[in-house]
PDB file of N, CA and C in Angstrom:
ATOM      1  N   PHE A   1     121.836  95.947  84.839  1.00  0.00           N
ATOM      2  CA  PHE A   1     121.172  96.307  83.572  1.00  0.00           C
ATOM      3  C   PHE A   1     119.952  95.394  83.400  1.00  0.00           C
ATOM      4  N   PHE A   2     118.950  95.881  82.614  1.00  0.00           N
ATOM      5  CA  PHE A   2     117.801  95.286  82.286  1.00  0.00           C
ATOM      6  C   PHE A   2     117.658  95.244  80.743  1.00  0.00           C
ATOM      7  N   TYR A   3     117.200  94.125  80.200  1.00  0.00           N
ATOM      8  CA  TYR A   3     117.113  93.954  78.754  1.00  0.00           C
ATOM      9  C   TYR A   3     115.612  93.825  78.353  1.00  0.00           C
ATOM     10  N   PRO A   4     114.935  94.951  78.328  1.00  0.00           N
ATOM     11  CA  PRO A   4     113.410  94.783  78.170  1.00  0.00           C
ATOM     12  C   PRO A   4     113.048  94.205  76.836  1.00  0.00           C
ATOM     13  N   ILE A   5     112.070  93.256  76.818  1.00  0.00           N
ATOM     14  CA  ILE A   5     111.495  92.685  75.648  1.00  0.00           C
ATOM     15  C   ILE A   5     110.919  93.792  74.776  1.00  0.00           C
ATOM     16  N   GLY A   6     111.258  93.750  73.424  1.00  0.00           N
ATOM     17  CA  GLY A   6     110.771  94.745  72.552  1.00  0.00           C
ATOM     18  C   GLY A   6     111.554  95.983  72.360  1.00  0.00           C
ATOM     19  N   LEU A   7     112.593  96.113  73.226  1.00  0.00           N
ATOM     20  CA  LEU A   7     113.552  97.194  73.060  1.00  0.00           C
ATOM     21  C   LEU A   7     114.883  96.619  72.713  1.00  0.00           C
ATOM     22  N   ASN A   8     115.617  97.340  71.941  1.00  0.00           N
ATOM     23  CA  ASN A   8     116.931  96.733  71.473  1.00  0.00           C
ATOM     24  C   ASN A   8     118.004  97.157  72.576  1.00  0.00           C
ATOM     25  N   GLY A   9     118.692  96.111  73.030  1.00  0.00           N
ATOM     26  CA  GLY A   9     119.803  96.381  73.978  1.00  0.00           C
ATOM     27  C   GLY A   9     119.365  96.454  75.383  1.00  0.00           C
ATOM     28  N   LYS A  10     120.325  96.931  76.220  1.00  0.00           N
ATOM     29  CA  LYS A  10     120.085  97.000  77.664  1.00  0.00           C
ATOM     30  C   LYS A  10     119.856  98.426  78.126  1.00  0.00           C
ATOM     31  N   LYS A  11     119.193  98.560  79.362  1.00  0.00           N
ATOM     32  CA  LYS A  11     118.948  99.762  79.921  1.00  0.00           C
ATOM     33  C   LYS A  11     119.175  99.624  81.366  1.00  0.00           C
ATOM     34  N   LYS A  12     119.587 100.740  81.981  1.00  0.00           N
ATOM     35  CA  LYS A  12     119.604 100.872  83.420  1.00  0.00           C
ATOM     36  C   LYS A  12     118.101 100.995  83.881  1.00  0.00           C
ATOM     37  N   LEU A  13     117.858 100.357  85.038  1.00  0.00           N
ATOM     38  CA  LEU A  13     116.391 100.409  85.411  1.00  0.00           C
ATOM     39  C   LEU A  13     115.944 101.928  85.615  1.00  0.00           C
ATOM     40  N   SER A  14     116.783 102.787  86.073  1.00  0.00           N
ATOM     41  CA  SER A  14     116.370 104.232  86.275  1.00  0.00           C
ATOM     42  C   SER A  14     116.150 104.854  84.934  1.00  0.00           C
ATOM     43  N   LYS A  15     116.828 104.483  83.875  1.00  0.00           N
ATOM     44  CA  LYS A  15     116.531 104.925  82.515  1.00  0.00           C
ATOM     45  C   LYS A  15     115.258 104.420  81.929  1.00  0.00           C
ATOM     46  N   TYR A  16     114.930 103.193  82.191  1.00  0.00           N
ATOM     47  CA  TYR A  16     113.702 102.443  81.767  1.00  0.00           C
ATOM     48  C   TYR A  16     112.549 103.217  82.487  1.00  0.00           C
ATOM     49  N   PHE A  17     112.633 103.464  83.776  1.00  0.00           N
ATOM     50  CA  PHE A  17     111.578 104.181  84.526  1.00  0.00           C
ATOM     51  C   PHE A  17     111.360 105.530  83.912  1.00  0.00           C
ATOM     52  N   LYS A  18     112.412 106.248  83.612  1.00  0.00           N
ATOM     53  CA  LYS A  18     112.268 107.650  83.057  1.00  0.00           C
ATOM     54  C   LYS A  18     111.711 107.578  81.636  1.00  0.00           C
ATOM     55  N   ASP A  19     112.140 106.627  80.871  1.00  0.00           N
ATOM     56  CA  ASP A  19     111.545 106.517  79.466  1.00  0.00           C
ATOM     57  C   ASP A  19     110.050 106.091  79.463  1.00  0.00           C
ATOM     58  N   GLU A  20     109.707 105.356  80.444  1.00  0.00           N
ATOM     59  CA  GLU A  20     108.324 104.912  80.563  1.00  0.00           C
ATOM     60  C   GLU A  20     107.523 105.912  81.379  1.00  0.00           C
ATOM     61  N   LYS A  21     108.047 106.959  81.792  1.00  0.00           N
ATOM     62  CA  LYS A  21     107.395 108.076  82.563  1.00  0.00           C
ATOM     63  C   LYS A  21     106.781 107.598  83.833  1.00  0.00           C
ATOM     64  N   PHE A  22     107.603 106.862  84.628  1.00  0.00           N
ATOM     65  CA  PHE A  22     107.144 106.404  85.950  1.00  0.00           C
ATOM     66  C   PHE A  22     107.229 107.641  86.867  1.00  0.00           C
ATOM     67  N   SER A  23     106.184 107.847  87.687  1.00  0.00           N
ATOM     68  CA  SER A  23     106.262 108.833  88.672  1.00  0.00           C
ATOM     69  C   SER A  23     107.074 108.298  89.864  1.00  0.00           C
ATOM     70  N   LEU A  24     107.493 109.241  90.750  1.00  0.00           N
ATOM     71  CA  LEU A  24     108.154 108.795  91.962  1.00  0.00           C
ATOM     72  C   LEU A  24     107.337 107.743  92.663  1.00  0.00           C
ATOM     73  N   ASN A  25     106.047 107.969  92.806  1.00  0.00           N
ATOM     74  CA  ASN A  25     105.197 106.932  93.473  1.00  0.00           C
ATOM     75  C   ASN A  25     105.165 105.660  92.832  1.00  0.00           C
ATOM     76  N   ASP A  26     105.111 105.681  91.443  1.00  0.00           N
ATOM     77  CA  ASP A  26     105.191 104.419  90.650  1.00  0.00           C
ATOM     78  C   ASP A  26     106.387 103.690  90.930  1.00  0.00           C
ATOM     79  N   LYS A  27     107.551 104.379  90.907  1.00  0.00           N
ATOM     80  CA  LYS A  27     108.896 103.705  91.170  1.00  0.00           C
ATOM     81  C   LYS A  27     108.988 103.066  92.456  1.00  0.00           C
ATOM     82  N   GLU A  28     108.424 103.741  93.481  1.00  0.00           N
ATOM     83  CA  GLU A  28     108.524 103.296  94.876  1.00  0.00           C
ATOM     84  C   GLU A  28     107.564 102.094  95.029  1.00  0.00           C
ATOM     85  N   ASN A  29     106.606 101.943  94.270  1.00  0.00           N
ATOM     86  CA  ASN A  29     105.624 100.872  94.451  1.00  0.00           C
ATOM     87  C   ASN A  29     105.748  99.815  93.359  1.00  0.00           C
ATOM     88  N   THR A  30     106.776  99.808  92.551  1.00  0.00           N
ATOM     89  CA  THR A  30     106.956  98.804  91.483  1.00  0.00           C
ATOM     90  C   THR A  30     107.753  97.708  92.090  1.00  0.00           C
ATOM     91  N   TRP A  31     107.322  96.434  91.922  1.00  0.00           N
ATOM     92  CA  TRP A  31     108.071  95.254  92.351  1.00  0.00           C
ATOM     93  C   TRP A  31     108.910  94.649  91.238  1.00  0.00           C
ATOM     94  N   LEU A  32     109.941  94.143  91.665  1.00  0.00           N
ATOM     95  CA  LEU A  32     110.880  93.425  90.720  1.00  0.00           C
ATOM     96  C   LEU A  32     111.007  91.986  91.025  1.00  0.00           C
ATOM     97  N   LEU A  33     110.974  91.145  90.047  1.00  0.00           N
ATOM     98  CA  LEU A  33     111.354  89.712  90.225  1.00  0.00           C
ATOM     99  C   LEU A  33     112.877  89.558  89.749  1.00  0.00           C
ATOM    100  N   CYS A  34     113.657  89.060  90.606  1.00  0.00           N
ATOM    101  CA  CYS A  34     115.115  88.949  90.270  1.00  0.00           C
ATOM    102  C   CYS A  34     115.593  87.515  90.479  1.00  0.00           C
ATOM    103  N   SER A  35     116.610  87.178  89.708  1.00  0.00           N
ATOM    104  CA  SER A  35     117.292  85.843  89.849  1.00  0.00           C
ATOM    105  C   SER A  35     118.790  86.130  89.770  1.00  0.00           C
ATOM    106  N   ASN A  36     119.520  85.761  90.875  1.00  0.00           N
ATOM    107  CA  ASN A  36     120.997  85.996  90.868  1.00  0.00           C
ATOM    108  C   ASN A  36     121.391  87.371  90.499  1.00  0.00           C
ATOM    109  N   ASN A  37     120.689  88.407  91.135  1.00  0.00           N
ATOM    110  CA  ASN A  37     120.990  89.791  90.871  1.00  0.00           C
ATOM    111  C   ASN A  37     120.644  90.291  89.497  1.00  0.00           C
ATOM    112  N   GLU A  38     119.932  89.555  88.766  1.00  0.00           N
ATOM    113  CA  GLU A  38     119.448  90.006  87.428  1.00  0.00           C
ATOM    114  C   GLU A  38     118.025  90.268  87.468  1.00  0.00           C
ATOM    115  N   ILE A  39     117.469  91.307  86.805  1.00  0.00           N
ATOM    116  CA  ILE A  39     116.034  91.547  86.786  1.00  0.00           C
ATOM    117  C   ILE A  39     115.448  90.685  85.760  1.00  0.00           C
ATOM    118  N   VAL A  40     114.447  89.868  86.222  1.00  0.00           N
ATOM    119  CA  VAL A  40     113.677  89.024  85.313  1.00  0.00           C
ATOM    120  C   VAL A  40     112.493  89.703  84.831  1.00  0.00           C
ATOM    121  N   TRP A  41     111.797  90.463  85.682  1.00  0.00           N
ATOM    122  CA  TRP A  41     110.566  91.051  85.309  1.00  0.00           C
ATOM    123  C   TRP A  41     110.307  92.273  86.173  1.00  0.00           C
ATOM    124  N   VAL A  42     109.922  93.360  85.491  1.00  0.00           N
ATOM    125  CA  VAL A  42     109.350  94.539  86.202  1.00  0.00           C
ATOM    126  C   VAL A  42     107.904  94.159  86.297  1.00  0.00           C
ATOM    127  N   ILE A  43     107.462  93.733  87.462  1.00  0.00           N
ATOM    128  CA  ILE A  43     106.180  93.096  87.576  1.00  0.00           C
ATOM    129  C   ILE A  43     105.022  94.007  87.092  1.00  0.00           C
ATOM    130  N   GLY A  44     104.254  93.472  86.162  1.00  0.00           N
ATOM    131  CA  GLY A  44     103.098  94.121  85.549  1.00  0.00           C
ATOM    132  C   GLY A  44     103.488  95.053  84.446  1.00  0.00           C
ATOM    133  N   LYS A  45     104.748  95.056  84.131  1.00  0.00           N
ATOM    134  CA  LYS A  45     105.233  95.977  82.949  1.00  0.00           C
ATOM    135  C   LYS A  45     105.911  95.239  81.895  1.00  0.00           C
ATOM    136  N   ARG A  46     107.169  94.808  82.189  1.00  0.00           N
ATOM    137  CA  ARG A  46     107.940  94.249  81.086  1.00  0.00           C
ATOM    138  C   ARG A  46     108.943  93.183  81.601  1.00  0.00           C
ATOM    139  N   LEU A  47     109.036  92.077  80.737  1.00  0.00           N
ATOM    140  CA  LEU A  47     109.904  91.027  81.002  1.00  0.00           C
ATOM    141  C   LEU A  47     111.336  91.333  80.468  1.00  0.00           C
ATOM    142  N   ASP A  48     112.348  90.729  81.026  1.00  0.00           N
ATOM    143  CA  ASP A  48     113.701  90.816  80.447  1.00  0.00           C
ATOM    144  C   ASP A  48     113.756  89.845  79.343  1.00  0.00           C
ATOM    145  N   GLU A  49     114.354  90.351  78.257  1.00  0.00           N
ATOM    146  CA  GLU A  49     114.591  89.447  77.029  1.00  0.00           C
ATOM    147  C   GLU A  49     115.201  88.066  77.329  1.00  0.00           C
ATOM    148  N   ARG A  50     116.216  88.162  78.200  1.00  0.00           N
ATOM    149  CA  ARG A  50     116.970  86.933  78.575  1.00  0.00           C
ATOM    150  C   ARG A  50     116.096  85.838  79.173  1.00  0.00           C
ATOM    151  N   PHE A  51     114.995  86.186  79.714  1.00  0.00           N
ATOM    152  CA  PHE A  51     114.195  85.201  80.491  1.00  0.00           C
ATOM    153  C   PHE A  51     112.898  84.885  79.878  1.00  0.00           C
ATOM    154  N   LYS A  52     112.680  85.274  78.592  1.00  0.00           N
ATOM    155  CA  LYS A  52     111.469  84.978  77.905  1.00  0.00           C
ATOM    156  C   LYS A  52     111.376  83.519  77.618  1.00  0.00           C
ATOM    157  N   ILE A  53     110.164  82.969  77.428  1.00  0.00           N
ATOM    158  CA  ILE A  53     109.983  81.558  77.090  1.00  0.00           C
ATOM    159  C   ILE A  53     110.373  81.319  75.656  1.00  0.00           C
ATOM    160  N   SER A  54     111.221  80.300  75.370  1.00  0.00           N
ATOM    161  CA  SER A  54     111.663  79.949  74.024  1.00  0.00           C
ATOM    162  C   SER A  54     111.616  78.422  73.841  1.00  0.00           C
ATOM    163  N   LYS A  55     111.986  77.935  72.683  1.00  0.00           N
ATOM    164  CA  LYS A  55     112.039  76.543  72.398  1.00  0.00           C
ATOM    165  C   LYS A  55     113.035  75.737  73.313  1.00  0.00           C
ATOM    166  N   LYS A  56     113.983  76.501  73.795  1.00  0.00           N
ATOM    167  CA  LYS A  56     114.980  75.922  74.733  1.00  0.00           C
ATOM    168  C   LYS A  56     114.543  75.900  76.137  1.00  0.00           C
ATOM    169  N   THR A  57     113.392  76.526  76.463  1.00  0.00           N
ATOM    170  CA  THR A  57     112.928  76.602  77.918  1.00  0.00           C
ATOM    171  C   THR A  57     112.618  75.201  78.385  1.00  0.00           C
ATOM    172  N   SER A  58     113.125  74.856  79.562  1.00  0.00           N
ATOM    173  CA  SER A  58     112.842  73.544  80.141  1.00  0.00           C
ATOM    174  C   SER A  58     112.042  73.635  81.519  1.00  0.00           C
ATOM    175  N   ASN A  59     112.090  74.792  82.138  1.00  0.00           N
ATOM    176  CA  ASN A  59     111.235  74.992  83.322  1.00  0.00           C
ATOM    177  C   ASN A  59     110.477  76.378  83.221  1.00  0.00           C
ATOM    178  N   ILE A  60     109.296  76.354  83.752  1.00  0.00           N
ATOM    179  CA  ILE A  60     108.452  77.642  83.778  1.00  0.00           C
ATOM    180  C   ILE A  60     107.982  77.787  85.214  1.00  0.00           C
ATOM    181  N   LEU A  61     108.110  78.996  85.806  1.00  0.00           N
ATOM    182  CA  LEU A  61     107.566  79.420  86.994  1.00  0.00           C
ATOM    183  C   LEU A  61     106.399  80.238  86.769  1.00  0.00           C
ATOM    184  N   LYS A  62     105.271  79.838  87.251  1.00  0.00           N
ATOM    185  CA  LYS A  62     103.977  80.637  87.031  1.00  0.00           C
ATOM    186  C   LYS A  62     103.729  81.344  88.348  1.00  0.00           C
ATOM    187  N   ILE A  63     103.497  82.673  88.173  1.00  0.00           N
ATOM    188  CA  ILE A  63     103.216  83.441  89.431  1.00  0.00           C
ATOM    189  C   ILE A  63     101.867  84.180  89.140  1.00  0.00           C
ATOM    190  N   ASN A  64     101.003  84.035  90.137  1.00  0.00           N
ATOM    191  CA  ASN A  64      99.663  84.683  90.149  1.00  0.00           C
ATOM    192  C   ASN A  64      99.686  85.795  91.083  1.00  0.00           C
ATOM    193  N   SER A  65      99.240  87.015  90.763  1.00  0.00           N
ATOM    194  CA  SER A  65      99.164  88.107  91.746  1.00  0.00           C
ATOM    195  C   SER A  65      97.727  88.057  92.271  1.00  0.00           C
ATOM    196  N   LEU A  66      97.591  88.451  93.450  1.00  0.00           N
ATOM    197  CA  LEU A  66      96.337  88.494  94.159  1.00  0.00           C
ATOM    198  C   LEU A  66      95.702  89.868  94.150  1.00  0.00           C
TER     199      LEU A  66
END
């Protein structure tokens, strides 16, 4: 499951793609950043609520796309 920032609760990734109107091509070309089998970020789209920066954050990984 994925907990998209700004949405209440969890969603299956397939439901998120459907709700966001991803085409088949979009789905096939979307990259995911995962940690221990949890989706951290649908790259370029939405971060998972559980991984957002907060006052308790002690480490940050910065990723730049080329």
